[in-house]
């Protein structure tokens, strides 16, 4: 059973997330032979002020 964790910043639409997990499932099925119903994907959406690079919160950029 493939288990995939994806961390991303919040802000994507439900349609974007739906397409993401659909296409990820197709790729994993194609490359591992695992049936789609055995592929689990966990999406972790982070708030912009919960992610930083180089000591700068993403919410403070721009």
PDB file of N, CA and C in Angstrom:
ATOM      1  N   UNK A   1       0.845  -1.180   0.000  1.00  0.00           N
ATOM      2  CA  UNK A   1       0.000   0.000   0.000  1.00  0.00           C
ATOM      3  C   UNK A   1       0.890   1.241   0.000  1.00  0.00           C
ATOM      4  N   UNK A   2       0.996   1.930  -1.120  1.00  0.00           N
ATOM      5  CA  UNK A   2       1.729   3.199  -1.111  1.00  0.00           C
ATOM      6  C   UNK A   2       0.992   4.246  -0.274  1.00  0.00           C
ATOM      7  N   UNK A   3       1.764   4.936   0.560  1.00  0.00           N
ATOM      8  CA  UNK A   3       1.231   6.030   1.374  1.00  0.00           C
ATOM      9  C   UNK A   3       2.057   7.268   1.058  1.00  0.00           C
ATOM     10  N   UNK A   4       1.407   8.290   0.515  1.00  0.00           N
ATOM     11  CA  UNK A   4       2.093   9.493   0.049  1.00  0.00           C
ATOM     12  C   UNK A   4       1.660  10.674   0.909  1.00  0.00           C
ATOM     13  N   UNK A   5       2.635  11.407   1.436  1.00  0.00           N
ATOM     14  CA  UNK A   5       2.366  12.618   2.208  1.00  0.00           C
ATOM     15  C   UNK A   5       2.812  13.817   1.369  1.00  0.00           C
ATOM     16  N   UNK A   6       1.935  14.813   1.252  1.00  0.00           N
ATOM     17  CA  UNK A   6       2.243  16.019   0.491  1.00  0.00           C
ATOM     18  C   UNK A   6       2.023  17.222   1.401  1.00  0.00           C
ATOM     19  N   UNK A   7       3.085  18.004   1.613  1.00  0.00           N
ATOM     20  CA  UNK A   7       2.979  19.246   2.370  1.00  0.00           C
ATOM     21  C   UNK A   7       2.966  20.397   1.375  1.00  0.00           C
ATOM     22  N   UNK A   8       1.976  21.281   1.487  1.00  0.00           N
ATOM     23  CA  UNK A   8       1.902  22.429   0.599  1.00  0.00           C
ATOM     24  C   UNK A   8       1.244  23.594   1.314  1.00  0.00           C
ATOM     25  N   UNK A   9       1.528  24.781   0.818  1.00  0.00           N
ATOM     26  CA  UNK A   9       0.905  25.971   1.394  1.00  0.00           C
ATOM     27  C   UNK A   9      -0.567  26.019   1.005  1.00  0.00           C
ATOM     28  N   UNK A  10      -1.379  26.535   1.910  1.00  0.00           N
ATOM     29  CA  UNK A  10      -2.805  26.636   1.633  1.00  0.00           C
ATOM     30  C   UNK A  10      -3.055  27.605   0.489  1.00  0.00           C
ATOM     31  N   UNK A  11      -4.238  27.486  -0.104  1.00  0.00           N
ATOM     32  CA  UNK A  11      -4.614  28.436  -1.138  1.00  0.00           C
ATOM     33  C   UNK A  11      -5.067  27.799  -2.438  1.00  0.00           C
ATOM     34  N   UNK A  12      -4.961  26.487  -2.547  1.00  0.00           N
ATOM     35  CA  UNK A  12      -5.423  25.841  -3.766  1.00  0.00           C
ATOM     36  C   UNK A  12      -6.909  25.557  -3.668  1.00  0.00           C
ATOM     37  N   UNK A  13      -7.549  25.524  -4.801  1.00  0.00           N
ATOM     38  CA  UNK A  13      -8.985  25.256  -4.832  1.00  0.00           C
ATOM     39  C   UNK A  13      -9.236  23.756  -4.655  1.00  0.00           C
ATOM     40  N   UNK A  14     -10.453  23.396  -4.258  1.00  0.00           N
ATOM     41  CA  UNK A  14     -10.782  21.975  -4.183  1.00  0.00           C
ATOM     42  C   UNK A  14     -10.557  21.266  -5.523  1.00  0.00           C
ATOM     43  N   UNK A  15     -10.834  21.932  -6.623  1.00  0.00           N
ATOM     44  CA  UNK A  15     -10.624  21.326  -7.945  1.00  0.00           C
ATOM     45  C   UNK A  15      -9.142  21.048  -8.191  1.00  0.00           C
ATOM     46  N   UNK A  16      -8.276  21.976  -7.791  1.00  0.00           N
ATOM     47  CA  UNK A  16      -6.844  21.762  -7.957  1.00  0.00           C
ATOM     48  C   UNK A  16      -6.372  20.572  -7.126  1.00  0.00           C
ATOM     49  N   UNK A  17      -6.838  20.478  -5.890  1.00  0.00           N
ATOM     50  CA  UNK A  17      -6.450  19.363  -5.026  1.00  0.00           C
ATOM     51  C   UNK A  17      -6.981  18.039  -5.576  1.00  0.00           C
ATOM     52  N   UNK A  18      -8.186  18.066  -6.096  1.00  0.00           N
ATOM     53  CA  UNK A  18      -8.783  16.862  -6.680  1.00  0.00           C
ATOM     54  C   UNK A  18      -7.944  16.384  -7.868  1.00  0.00           C
ATOM     55  N   UNK A  19      -7.538  17.308  -8.732  1.00  0.00           N
ATOM     56  CA  UNK A  19      -6.711  16.945  -9.888  1.00  0.00           C
ATOM     57  C   UNK A  19      -5.343  16.450  -9.440  1.00  0.00           C
ATOM     58  N   UNK A  20      -4.773  17.059  -8.406  1.00  0.00           N
ATOM     59  CA  UNK A  20      -3.473  16.652  -7.899  1.00  0.00           C
ATOM     60  C   UNK A  20      -3.497  15.192  -7.447  1.00  0.00           C
ATOM     61  N   UNK A  21      -4.473  14.828  -6.609  1.00  0.00           N
ATOM     62  CA  UNK A  21      -4.498  13.463  -6.102  1.00  0.00           C
ATOM     63  C   UNK A  21      -4.859  12.459  -7.198  1.00  0.00           C
ATOM     64  N   UNK A  22      -5.666  12.876  -8.138  1.00  0.00           N
ATOM     65  CA  UNK A  22      -6.008  11.990  -9.265  1.00  0.00           C
ATOM     66  C   UNK A  22      -4.769  11.671 -10.087  1.00  0.00           C
ATOM     67  N   UNK A  23      -4.015  12.700 -10.451  1.00  0.00           N
ATOM     68  CA  UNK A  23      -2.839  12.485 -11.280  1.00  0.00           C
ATOM     69  C   UNK A  23      -1.713  11.780 -10.518  1.00  0.00           C
ATOM     70  N   UNK A  24      -1.561  12.082  -9.234  1.00  0.00           N
ATOM     71  CA  UNK A  24      -0.555  11.380  -8.438  1.00  0.00           C
ATOM     72  C   UNK A  24      -0.889   9.898  -8.358  1.00  0.00           C
ATOM     73  N   UNK A  25      -2.145   9.577  -8.175  1.00  0.00           N
ATOM     74  CA  UNK A  25      -2.573   8.186  -8.124  1.00  0.00           C
ATOM     75  C   UNK A  25      -2.266   7.477  -9.439  1.00  0.00           C
ATOM     76  N   UNK A  26      -2.558   8.135 -10.560  1.00  0.00           N
ATOM     77  CA  UNK A  26      -2.279   7.541 -11.872  1.00  0.00           C
ATOM     78  C   UNK A  26      -0.788   7.260 -12.057  1.00  0.00           C
ATOM     79  N   UNK A  27       0.062   8.203 -11.641  1.00  0.00           N
ATOM     80  CA  UNK A  27       1.513   8.036 -11.784  1.00  0.00           C
ATOM     81  C   UNK A  27       2.017   6.881 -10.912  1.00  0.00           C
ATOM     82  N   UNK A  28       1.545   6.825  -9.682  1.00  0.00           N
ATOM     83  CA  UNK A  28       2.004   5.759  -8.788  1.00  0.00           C
ATOM     84  C   UNK A  28       1.518   4.404  -9.296  1.00  0.00           C
ATOM     85  N   UNK A  29       0.291   4.328  -9.766  1.00  0.00           N
ATOM     86  CA  UNK A  29      -0.236   3.083 -10.331  1.00  0.00           C
ATOM     87  C   UNK A  29       0.611   2.644 -11.523  1.00  0.00           C
ATOM     88  N   UNK A  30       0.898   3.574 -12.407  1.00  0.00           N
ATOM     89  CA  UNK A  30       1.679   3.270 -13.606  1.00  0.00           C
ATOM     90  C   UNK A  30       3.076   2.775 -13.253  1.00  0.00           C
ATOM     91  N   UNK A  31       3.716   3.378 -12.265  1.00  0.00           N
ATOM     92  CA  UNK A  31       5.112   3.080 -11.971  1.00  0.00           C
ATOM     93  C   UNK A  31       5.332   1.988 -10.928  1.00  0.00           C
ATOM     94  N   UNK A  32       4.290   1.629 -10.174  1.00  0.00           N
ATOM     95  CA  UNK A  32       4.466   0.586  -9.158  1.00  0.00           C
ATOM     96  C   UNK A  32       3.593  -0.639  -9.408  1.00  0.00           C
ATOM     97  N   UNK A  33       2.545  -0.472 -10.201  1.00  0.00           N
ATOM     98  CA  UNK A  33       1.616  -1.571 -10.418  1.00  0.00           C
ATOM     99  C   UNK A  33       0.587  -1.706  -9.308  1.00  0.00           C
ATOM    100  N   UNK A  34       0.667  -0.830  -8.301  1.00  0.00           N
ATOM    101  CA  UNK A  34      -0.309  -0.885  -7.203  1.00  0.00           C
ATOM    102  C   UNK A  34      -1.674  -0.435  -7.723  1.00  0.00           C
ATOM    103  N   UNK A  35      -2.718  -1.132  -7.336  1.00  0.00           N
ATOM    104  CA  UNK A  35      -4.054  -0.695  -7.744  1.00  0.00           C
ATOM    105  C   UNK A  35      -4.415   0.644  -7.104  1.00  0.00           C
ATOM    106  N   UNK A  36      -5.157   1.460  -7.818  1.00  0.00           N
ATOM    107  CA  UNK A  36      -5.517   2.801  -7.349  1.00  0.00           C
ATOM    108  C   UNK A  36      -6.184   2.762  -5.977  1.00  0.00           C
ATOM    109  N   UNK A  37      -6.983   1.754  -5.733  1.00  0.00           N
ATOM    110  CA  UNK A  37      -7.705   1.698  -4.447  1.00  0.00           C
ATOM    111  C   UNK A  37      -6.788   1.391  -3.266  1.00  0.00           C
ATOM    112  N   UNK A  38      -5.537   1.078  -3.532  1.00  0.00           N
ATOM    113  CA  UNK A  38      -4.572   0.825  -2.457  1.00  0.00           C
ATOM    114  C   UNK A  38      -3.627   1.997  -2.224  1.00  0.00           C
ATOM    115  N   UNK A  39      -3.787   3.056  -3.001  1.00  0.00           N
ATOM    116  CA  UNK A  39      -2.902   4.218  -2.885  1.00  0.00           C
ATOM    117  C   UNK A  39      -3.563   5.250  -1.985  1.00  0.00           C
ATOM    118  N   UNK A  40      -2.859   5.612  -0.927  1.00  0.00           N
ATOM    119  CA  UNK A  40      -3.363   6.585   0.044  1.00  0.00           C
ATOM    120  C   UNK A  40      -2.544   7.859  -0.074  1.00  0.00           C
ATOM    121  N   UNK A  41      -3.215   8.990  -0.109  1.00  0.00           N
ATOM    122  CA  UNK A  41      -2.543  10.288  -0.202  1.00  0.00           C
ATOM    123  C   UNK A  41      -3.053  11.173   0.925  1.00  0.00           C
ATOM    124  N   UNK A  42      -2.110  11.761   1.674  1.00  0.00           N
ATOM    125  CA  UNK A  42      -2.446  12.679   2.761  1.00  0.00           C
ATOM    126  C   UNK A  42      -1.952  14.060   2.367  1.00  0.00           C
ATOM    127  N   UNK A  43      -2.855  15.018   2.307  1.00  0.00           N
ATOM    128  CA  UNK A  43      -2.491  16.399   1.990  1.00  0.00           C
ATOM    129  C   UNK A  43      -2.445  17.203   3.278  1.00  0.00           C
ATOM    130  N   UNK A  44      -1.324  17.846   3.529  1.00  0.00           N
ATOM    131  CA  UNK A  44      -1.165  18.710   4.690  1.00  0.00           C
ATOM    132  C   UNK A  44      -0.999  20.135   4.191  1.00  0.00           C
ATOM    133  N   UNK A  45      -2.019  20.950   4.411  1.00  0.00           N
ATOM    134  CA  UNK A  45      -1.944  22.343   3.985  1.00  0.00           C
ATOM    135  C   UNK A  45      -1.482  23.204   5.156  1.00  0.00           C
ATOM    136  N   UNK A  46      -0.451  23.995   4.903  1.00  0.00           N
ATOM    137  CA  UNK A  46       0.113  24.856   5.939  1.00  0.00           C
ATOM    138  C   UNK A  46      -0.338  26.293   5.714  1.00  0.00           C
ATOM    139  N   UNK A  47      -0.550  27.001   6.802  1.00  0.00           N
ATOM    140  CA  UNK A  47      -0.834  28.431   6.711  1.00  0.00           C
ATOM    141  C   UNK A  47       0.453  29.150   6.318  1.00  0.00           C
ATOM    142  N   UNK A  48       0.308  30.271   5.639  1.00  0.00           N
ATOM    143  CA  UNK A  48       1.475  31.036   5.178  1.00  0.00           C
ATOM    144  C   UNK A  48       2.385  31.469   6.319  1.00  0.00           C
ATOM    145  N   UNK A  49       1.828  31.622   7.511  1.00  0.00           N
ATOM    146  CA  UNK A  49       2.665  32.034   8.640  1.00  0.00           C
ATOM    147  C   UNK A  49       3.185  30.843   9.446  1.00  0.00           C
ATOM    148  N   UNK A  50       3.031  29.637   8.883  1.00  0.00           N
ATOM    149  CA  UNK A  50       3.564  28.426   9.509  1.00  0.00           C
ATOM    150  C   UNK A  50       4.673  27.809   8.666  1.00  0.00           C
ATOM    151  N   UNK A  51       5.227  28.572   7.722  1.00  0.00           N
ATOM    152  CA  UNK A  51       6.273  28.072   6.836  1.00  0.00           C
ATOM    153  C   UNK A  51       7.280  29.190   6.601  1.00  0.00           C
ATOM    154  N   UNK A  52       8.553  28.854   6.728  1.00  0.00           N
ATOM    155  CA  UNK A  52       9.589  29.872   6.562  1.00  0.00           C
ATOM    156  C   UNK A  52      10.765  29.314   5.776  1.00  0.00           C
ATOM    157  N   UNK A  53      11.447  30.202   5.074  1.00  0.00           N
ATOM    158  CA  UNK A  53      12.692  29.875   4.375  1.00  0.00           C
ATOM    159  C   UNK A  53      13.695  30.964   4.724  1.00  0.00           C
ATOM    160  N   UNK A  54      14.862  30.552   5.128  1.00  0.00           N
ATOM    161  CA  UNK A  54      15.917  31.528   5.444  1.00  0.00           C
ATOM    162  C   UNK A  54      15.543  32.469   6.578  1.00  0.00           C
ATOM    163  N   UNK A  55      14.736  31.993   7.514  1.00  0.00           N
ATOM    164  CA  UNK A  55      14.355  32.813   8.656  1.00  0.00           C
ATOM    165  C   UNK A  55      13.245  33.802   8.379  1.00  0.00           C
ATOM    166  N   UNK A  56      12.602  33.719   7.212  1.00  0.00           N
ATOM    167  CA  UNK A  56      11.527  34.645   6.847  1.00  0.00           C
ATOM    168  C   UNK A  56      10.245  33.846   6.632  1.00  0.00           C
ATOM    169  N   UNK A  57       9.200  34.205   7.379  1.00  0.00           N
ATOM    170  CA  UNK A  57       7.900  33.565   7.170  1.00  0.00           C
ATOM    171  C   UNK A  57       7.397  33.848   5.761  1.00  0.00           C
ATOM    172  N   UNK A  58       6.759  32.862   5.191  1.00  0.00           N
ATOM    173  CA  UNK A  58       6.208  33.047   3.839  1.00  0.00           C
ATOM    174  C   UNK A  58       5.209  34.191   3.822  1.00  0.00           C
ATOM    175  N   UNK A  59       4.479  34.360   4.904  1.00  0.00           N
ATOM    176  CA  UNK A  59       3.499  35.446   4.979  1.00  0.00           C
ATOM    177  C   UNK A  59       4.143  36.821   4.966  1.00  0.00           C
ATOM    178  N   UNK A  60       5.432  36.921   5.298  1.00  0.00           N
ATOM    179  CA  UNK A  60       6.137  38.207   5.312  1.00  0.00           C
ATOM    180  C   UNK A  60       6.832  38.516   3.992  1.00  0.00           C
ATOM    181  N   UNK A  61       6.844  37.562   3.063  1.00  0.00           N
ATOM    182  CA  UNK A  61       7.489  37.795   1.768  1.00  0.00           C
ATOM    183  C   UNK A  61       6.648  38.714   0.901  1.00  0.00           C
ATOM    184  N   UNK A  62       7.285  39.331  -0.073  1.00  0.00           N
ATOM    185  CA  UNK A  62       6.653  40.186  -1.084  1.00  0.00           C
ATOM    186  C   UNK A  62       6.604  41.578  -0.663  1.00  0.00           C
TER     187      UNK A  62
END
